[in-house]
């Protein structure tokens, strides 16, 4: 088993060990991996821990479970790729927006239950809460709140965030940011959002909820961002995918 990593749950250590064997080619595509009983015996952990690790890798597309046959390494074409992952501040810079921080706070807090569920960490444990308002020419563009596990945010504070993104600071400390999922919708601004974005309570704002993960699928950041719709537009380029050999 891999060397234990401080602050990482047991199931994640097992998951890392499994992923290393897949990515190194020790377990080739389509090969049958050890059974749950064999993994329990090898690592001396509970069946629940093994199943959590396996299910995460199945959900990420690295493994495929076949009823009555076992768990197999997925073929690479089963893995899904998507758009590049950037932080919200990085996205604004990429499209030429001159966004600067006009309000910022960083604090250790006990978070809402939703945060612990999204980050997969024990309830009531301290997390780092980063609240920012980004402005352009003095006008608010974005109000976001990010939650990070405390052990991953040692170099994130109000000074370092003035000139760097959360993602770049995490990467500088050795964290490999691999993927994220986000949902976009419209909501009505509450009083806190209205103050931050200089709009009226009840006005519609663009709402983005995102979970960012490291290379083994562990959540490392949970963020909720709200944009003024009159100052920001979210555009996505879509392409049609055809079967191999079929011309566009």
Protein backbone atom coordinates (compact mmCIF):
# COMPACT_ATOMS: atom_id res chain seq x y z
CA UNK A 1 0.00 0.00 0.00
CA UNK A 2 1.15 3.60 -0.59
CA UNK A 3 2.67 5.58 2.25
CA UNK A 4 -0.16 7.13 4.33
CA UNK A 5 -0.79 10.82 3.62
CA UNK A 6 -1.57 13.05 6.57
CA UNK A 7 -5.17 14.27 6.56
CA UNK A 8 -6.28 11.90 3.80
CA UNK A 9 -9.01 9.33 4.58
CA UNK A 10 -8.14 5.61 4.44
CA UNK A 11 -10.36 4.99 1.43
CA UNK A 12 -8.49 7.70 -0.48
CA UNK A 13 -5.14 6.07 0.29
CA UNK A 14 -6.51 2.79 -1.11
CA UNK A 15 -7.86 4.66 -4.12
CA UNK A 16 -4.44 6.21 -4.75
CA UNK A 17 -2.81 2.77 -4.59
CA UNK A 18 -5.32 1.39 -7.11
CA UNK A 19 -4.94 4.35 -9.45
CA UNK A 20 -1.15 4.07 -9.44
CA UNK A 21 -1.40 0.49 -10.72
CA UNK A 22 -3.80 1.50 -13.46
CA UNK A 23 -1.84 4.54 -14.67
CA UNK A 24 1.53 2.75 -14.53
CA UNK A 25 0.19 -0.03 -16.76
CA UNK A 26 0.74 -2.69 -14.09
CA UNK A 27 -2.95 -3.42 -14.54
CA UNK A 28 -3.61 -3.21 -18.27
CA UNK A 29 -6.82 -2.14 -19.96
CA UNK A 30 -9.50 -4.80 -19.69
CA UNK A 31 -7.68 -6.77 -16.98
CA UNK A 32 -9.45 -8.13 -13.90
CA UNK A 33 -8.27 -6.44 -10.70
CA UNK A 34 -8.08 -8.20 -7.29
CA UNK A 35 -11.41 -8.98 -5.64
CA UNK A 36 -12.75 -7.02 -2.66
CA UNK A 37 -11.74 -9.91 -0.35
CA UNK A 38 -8.19 -9.90 -1.74
CA UNK A 39 -7.89 -6.13 -1.32
CA UNK A 40 -9.20 -6.37 2.25
CA UNK A 41 -6.57 -9.00 3.03
CA UNK A 42 -3.77 -7.00 1.37
CA UNK A 43 -4.52 -3.68 3.07
CA UNK A 44 -6.14 -4.74 6.35
CA UNK A 45 -9.10 -2.38 6.02
CA UNK A 46 -12.86 -2.81 6.06
CA UNK A 47 -15.01 -3.83 3.10
CA UNK A 48 -16.70 -0.42 3.27
CA UNK A 49 -13.35 1.33 2.77
CA UNK A 50 -12.52 -0.86 -0.23
CA UNK A 51 -15.94 -0.33 -1.79
CA UNK A 52 -15.73 3.46 -1.41
CA UNK A 53 -12.38 3.48 -3.24
CA UNK A 54 -13.65 1.19 -6.01
CA UNK A 55 -16.90 3.09 -6.52
CA UNK A 56 -15.04 6.39 -6.87
CA UNK A 57 -12.82 4.91 -9.59
CA UNK A 58 -15.84 3.40 -11.33
CA UNK A 59 -17.56 6.80 -11.27
CA UNK A 60 -14.39 8.43 -12.68
CA UNK A 61 -14.27 5.93 -15.54
CA UNK A 62 -11.11 4.07 -14.53
CA UNK A 63 -12.86 0.83 -13.57
CA UNK A 64 -15.87 -1.13 -14.84
CA UNK A 65 -17.86 -3.53 -12.66
CA UNK A 66 -19.40 -6.56 -14.38
CA UNK A 67 -22.08 -8.46 -12.52
CA UNK A 68 -20.89 -11.89 -11.43
CA UNK A 69 -17.46 -11.43 -13.06
CA UNK A 70 -15.67 -8.79 -11.00
CA UNK A 71 -14.11 -5.37 -11.54
CA UNK A 72 -12.01 -4.61 -14.64
CA UNK A 73 -9.73 -1.77 -15.77
CA UNK A 74 -11.73 0.35 -18.19
CA UNK A 75 -10.57 0.89 -21.75
CA UNK A 76 -9.29 4.42 -22.29
CA UNK A 77 -12.01 5.31 -24.77
CA UNK A 78 -14.48 5.04 -21.88
CA UNK A 79 -12.89 8.05 -20.20
CA UNK A 80 -14.66 11.31 -20.91
CA UNK A 81 -12.81 14.56 -21.55
CA UNK A 82 -14.29 18.04 -21.39
CA UNK A 83 -13.37 21.72 -21.33
CA UNK A 84 -10.15 22.95 -19.71
CA UNK A 85 -10.46 23.74 -16.00
CA UNK A 86 -9.68 27.30 -14.91
CA UNK A 87 -10.44 29.24 -11.77
CA UNK A 88 -13.04 31.99 -12.11
CA UNK A 89 -10.39 34.69 -11.90
CA UNK A 90 -8.29 32.84 -14.50
CA UNK A 91 -11.33 32.59 -16.82
CA UNK A 92 -11.88 36.35 -16.65
CA UNK A 93 -8.22 37.01 -17.44
CA UNK A 94 -8.32 34.61 -20.41
CA UNK A 95 -11.12 36.58 -22.06
CA UNK A 96 -9.34 39.88 -21.48
CA UNK A 97 -11.31 41.11 -18.47
CA UNK A 98 -9.22 43.26 -16.12
CA UNK A 99 -10.65 41.81 -12.93
CA UNK A 100 -9.22 42.86 -9.58
CA UNK A 101 -10.17 41.92 -6.04
CA UNK A 102 -12.19 44.69 -4.41
CA UNK A 103 -13.23 42.72 -1.31
CA UNK A 104 -11.60 39.67 0.25
CA UNK A 105 -11.76 37.65 3.44
CA UNK A 106 -10.09 34.38 4.47
CA UNK A 107 -11.13 32.63 7.69
CA UNK A 108 -11.31 29.25 9.38
CA UNK A 109 -14.95 28.30 9.95
CA UNK A 110 -17.37 25.52 10.73
CA UNK A 111 -19.25 25.24 7.44
CA UNK A 112 -22.81 24.33 6.41
CA UNK A 113 -23.55 20.60 6.12
CA UNK A 114 -23.58 20.82 2.32
CA UNK A 115 -19.90 21.80 2.33
CA UNK A 116 -18.81 18.71 4.30
CA UNK A 117 -20.83 16.48 2.00
CA UNK A 118 -19.26 18.02 -1.12
CA UNK A 119 -15.70 17.93 0.27
CA UNK A 120 -16.14 14.46 1.81
CA UNK A 121 -14.61 15.46 5.12
CA UNK A 122 -15.95 14.93 8.67
CA UNK A 123 -18.81 17.18 9.77
CA UNK A 124 -17.93 20.17 11.97
CA UNK A 125 -14.19 20.00 11.18
CA UNK A 126 -12.64 23.43 10.43
CA UNK A 127 -12.43 24.50 6.78
CA UNK A 128 -10.93 27.55 5.13
CA UNK A 129 -13.57 29.91 3.73
CA UNK A 130 -12.49 32.39 1.05
CA UNK A 131 -14.97 35.12 0.11
CA UNK A 132 -14.11 37.44 -2.79
CA UNK A 133 -15.67 40.13 -4.90
CA UNK A 134 -13.99 40.73 -8.26
CA UNK A 135 -14.46 44.07 -9.96
CA UNK A 136 -13.66 45.68 -13.31
CA UNK A 137 -13.23 49.45 -13.42
CA UNK A 138 -14.75 49.62 -9.95
CA UNK A 139 -17.87 47.69 -10.94
CA UNK A 140 -18.55 44.26 -9.38
CA UNK A 141 -18.45 41.28 -11.77
CA UNK A 142 -18.33 38.26 -9.49
CA UNK A 143 -19.00 37.34 -5.88
CA UNK A 144 -17.76 33.91 -4.86
CA UNK A 145 -17.30 31.80 -1.76
CA UNK A 146 -14.84 28.90 -1.73
CA UNK A 147 -14.37 26.23 0.94
CA UNK A 148 -11.14 24.25 1.19
CA UNK A 149 -9.93 21.53 3.58
CA UNK A 150 -7.61 23.21 6.09
CA UNK A 151 -4.64 20.93 5.37
CA UNK A 152 -4.70 21.93 1.68
CA UNK A 153 -4.78 25.69 2.24
CA UNK A 154 -1.61 26.39 4.22
CA UNK A 155 -0.41 29.09 1.79
CA UNK A 156 -3.81 30.66 1.09
CA UNK A 157 -4.41 33.93 2.89
CA UNK A 158 -5.46 37.51 2.20
CA UNK A 159 -1.93 38.51 1.20
CA UNK A 160 -1.16 35.67 -1.23
CA UNK A 161 -4.57 35.90 -2.89
CA UNK A 162 -4.03 39.50 -3.93
CA UNK A 163 -1.73 38.46 -6.78
CA UNK A 164 -2.52 34.79 -7.35
CA UNK A 165 -5.50 32.51 -7.91
CA UNK A 166 -6.59 29.80 -5.48
CA UNK A 167 -5.68 27.16 -8.07
CA UNK A 168 -2.16 28.51 -8.65
CA UNK A 169 -1.51 28.66 -4.90
CA UNK A 170 -2.68 25.09 -4.41
CA UNK A 171 -0.51 23.92 -7.31
CA UNK A 172 2.48 25.76 -5.85
CA UNK A 173 2.10 23.65 -2.69
CA UNK A 174 2.21 20.42 -4.72
CA UNK A 175 -1.48 19.71 -5.19
CA UNK A 176 -2.36 18.33 -8.63
CA UNK A 177 -5.69 19.81 -9.77
CA UNK A 178 -7.22 17.39 -12.24
CA UNK A 179 -10.93 17.94 -12.80
CA UNK A 180 -14.10 19.65 -11.74
CA UNK A 181 -17.85 19.52 -12.15
CA UNK A 182 -20.06 22.56 -12.17
CA UNK A 183 -23.72 23.42 -12.53
CA UNK A 184 -24.97 26.76 -13.86
CA UNK A 185 -28.37 28.25 -13.14
CA UNK A 186 -30.12 31.54 -12.38
CA UNK A 187 -31.12 32.57 -8.86
CA UNK A 188 -32.42 35.67 -7.14
CA UNK A 189 -29.81 37.68 -5.26
CA UNK A 190 -30.05 37.50 -1.48
CA UNK A 191 -29.07 40.53 0.62
CA UNK A 192 -25.40 39.53 0.94
CA UNK A 193 -25.08 38.95 -2.81
CA UNK A 194 -26.92 42.19 -3.60
CA UNK A 195 -24.50 44.18 -1.43
CA UNK A 196 -21.46 42.51 -3.03
CA UNK A 197 -22.67 42.91 -6.62
CA UNK A 198 -24.26 46.34 -6.14
CA UNK A 199 -27.70 45.22 -7.25
CA UNK A 200 -31.13 44.95 -5.65
CA UNK A 201 -32.17 41.92 -3.56
CA UNK A 202 -34.28 39.68 -5.77
CA UNK A 203 -32.47 40.61 -8.99
CA UNK A 204 -31.49 37.64 -11.14
CA UNK A 205 -27.83 36.59 -11.00
CA UNK A 206 -25.89 33.83 -12.75
CA UNK A 207 -25.19 31.09 -10.20
CA UNK A 208 -22.29 28.63 -10.63
CA UNK A 209 -21.67 25.75 -8.22
CA UNK A 210 -18.39 23.85 -8.63
CA UNK A 211 -16.51 20.97 -7.03
CA UNK A 212 -12.80 20.68 -7.92
CA UNK A 213 -10.89 17.41 -7.50
CA UNK A 214 -7.28 16.24 -7.40
CA UNK A 215 -5.77 13.47 -9.54
CA UNK A 216 -7.30 10.68 -7.45
CA UNK A 217 -10.75 12.25 -7.43
CA UNK A 218 -10.68 13.69 -3.91
CA UNK A 219 -12.62 16.99 -3.65
CA UNK A 220 -10.26 19.83 -2.79
CA UNK A 221 -12.51 22.86 -3.24
CA UNK A 222 -16.23 23.60 -3.17
CA UNK A 223 -17.22 26.96 -4.64
CA UNK A 224 -20.38 28.95 -5.20
CA UNK A 225 -20.01 31.94 -7.52
CA UNK A 226 -22.55 34.58 -8.51
CA UNK A 227 -22.14 36.84 -11.54
CA UNK A 228 -23.98 40.01 -12.57
CA UNK A 229 -25.75 38.96 -15.81
CA UNK A 230 -25.36 42.45 -17.26
CA UNK A 231 -21.59 42.25 -16.87
CA UNK A 232 -20.77 38.65 -17.65
CA UNK A 233 -21.77 36.19 -20.37
CA UNK A 234 -21.02 32.47 -20.27
CA UNK A 235 -20.30 31.09 -23.75
CA UNK A 236 -19.46 27.50 -24.68
CA UNK A 237 -18.29 26.27 -28.09
CA UNK A 238 -20.05 23.04 -29.01
CA UNK A 239 -18.84 20.50 -31.56
CA UNK A 240 -20.62 17.50 -32.98
CA UNK A 241 -18.92 14.15 -32.34
CA UNK A 242 -19.12 11.53 -35.09
CA UNK A 243 -18.13 7.89 -35.11
CA UNK A 244 -14.60 7.18 -36.31
CA UNK A 245 -14.39 7.21 -40.11
CA UNK A 246 -17.51 9.33 -40.61
CA UNK A 247 -16.75 12.66 -42.28
CA UNK A 248 -18.01 15.97 -40.94
